[in-house]
Structures are given as C-alpha cells and as structure tokens.
Protein backbone atom coordinates (compact mmCIF):
# COMPACT_ATOMS: atom_id res chain seq x y z
CA MET A 1 -89.07 -53.12 -5.48
CA PHE A 2 -87.37 -56.06 -3.77
CA PRO A 3 -90.48 -57.85 -2.47
CA ASN A 4 -88.40 -60.72 -1.10
CA LEU A 5 -86.19 -58.34 0.87
CA LYS A 6 -89.32 -56.74 2.36
CA ALA A 7 -90.77 -60.15 3.22
CA GLU A 8 -87.57 -61.39 4.85
CA MET A 9 -87.19 -58.18 6.85
CA ALA A 10 -90.72 -58.69 8.17
CA ARG A 11 -90.06 -62.38 8.87
CA TYR A 12 -86.90 -61.60 10.84
CA GLY A 13 -88.30 -58.45 12.46
CA PHE A 14 -85.79 -56.00 10.99
CA THR A 15 -86.89 -52.39 10.50
CA ASN A 16 -85.98 -50.03 7.68
CA ALA A 17 -84.11 -47.93 10.25
CA GLN A 18 -81.98 -50.89 11.41
CA VAL A 19 -81.02 -51.86 7.88
CA SER A 20 -80.35 -48.24 6.88
CA ALA A 21 -78.11 -47.77 9.92
CA ALA A 22 -76.07 -50.84 8.96
CA VAL A 23 -75.25 -49.14 5.67
CA GLY A 24 -74.52 -45.86 7.46
CA ARG A 25 -77.56 -44.06 6.07
CA PRO A 26 -80.49 -42.16 7.61
CA SER A 27 -83.60 -44.11 8.60
CA THR A 28 -85.57 -43.08 5.49
CA TRP A 29 -82.87 -44.30 3.10
CA LEU A 30 -84.12 -47.88 2.68
CA ASP A 31 -87.76 -46.86 2.39
CA ASN A 32 -86.92 -44.79 -0.68
CA ARG A 33 -85.20 -47.78 -2.28
CA LEU A 34 -87.97 -50.23 -1.45
CA ARG A 35 -90.50 -47.88 -3.05
CA GLY A 36 -88.36 -47.48 -6.19
CA LYS A 37 -87.64 -43.80 -5.61
CA ALA A 38 -83.87 -44.38 -5.53
CA THR A 39 -81.45 -47.10 -6.54
CA LEU A 40 -79.59 -49.58 -4.38
CA SER A 41 -75.91 -50.00 -5.21
CA ILE A 42 -74.37 -53.45 -5.40
CA GLN A 43 -72.10 -52.56 -2.47
CA GLU A 44 -75.10 -51.60 -0.35
CA ALA A 45 -76.95 -54.77 -1.38
CA ILE A 46 -73.95 -56.89 -0.38
CA ILE A 47 -73.70 -55.20 3.04
CA ILE A 48 -77.40 -55.80 3.73
CA HIS A 49 -77.18 -59.41 2.58
CA ASP A 50 -74.04 -60.19 4.57
CA LYS A 51 -75.14 -58.47 7.79
CA PHE A 52 -78.77 -59.53 7.91
CA PHE A 53 -79.40 -62.46 5.55
CA PRO A 54 -76.17 -64.41 4.92
CA GLU A 55 -78.07 -67.71 4.80
CA LEU A 56 -80.33 -66.54 1.96
CA ASP A 57 -79.50 -66.63 -1.73
CA PHE A 58 -78.46 -63.16 -2.94
CA ASP A 59 -80.45 -63.42 -6.18
CA TYR A 60 -83.56 -64.50 -4.28
CA LEU A 61 -83.28 -61.59 -1.86
CA TYR A 62 -83.02 -58.96 -4.60
CA ALA A 63 -85.32 -60.50 -7.21
CA GLY A 64 -87.74 -58.08 -8.82
CA GLU A 65 -90.73 -60.35 -8.20
CA PRO A 66 -91.75 -62.47 -5.22
CA LEU A 67 -90.07 -65.88 -5.18
CA ASN A 68 -90.25 -68.88 -2.88
CA ALA A 69 -87.06 -68.98 -0.79
CA THR A 70 -86.99 -72.76 -0.58
CA LYS A 71 -86.77 -73.09 -4.36
CA ASN A 72 -83.68 -70.91 -4.44
CA LEU A 73 -81.54 -72.38 -1.67
C-alpha cells in the first residue's frame, strides 16, 4: 500500500521508525500499514503529510498506485 509514500520516504531518507515516532507509535507501526496489515487513519495520514511532506500533494502521497509527483503538483 501507499507506493508513493514509500518512494518519498526513501527519497528523503526517512525511516519507518522516524515516521512512526512522529505519530506517537512504536517503530513497527508504519511497516504494518505499508504492507496492508493495518489501516492508516486520516488523522495519522495528515500528521505524516504535514510533518514530513508538506510540499507534496496529499492525494499523490496516499494514492493506491505509483504516480509521477510532477504530474500532481
């Protein structure tokens, strides 16, 4: 799930543990969501977007399939 979020995390050098900590969750929390084993609430998605990727389009970041960021900004 969230291939664009994964790609942007890699591009910016953010780890699952860093993003999980920003939401106040244990380090394995985000991994479970990225693998589709748990859901991501809208509140959690907003926190991640605002803290780590405010310059990126929200819909691009959480799209269900890979998208080109430049087409969405």
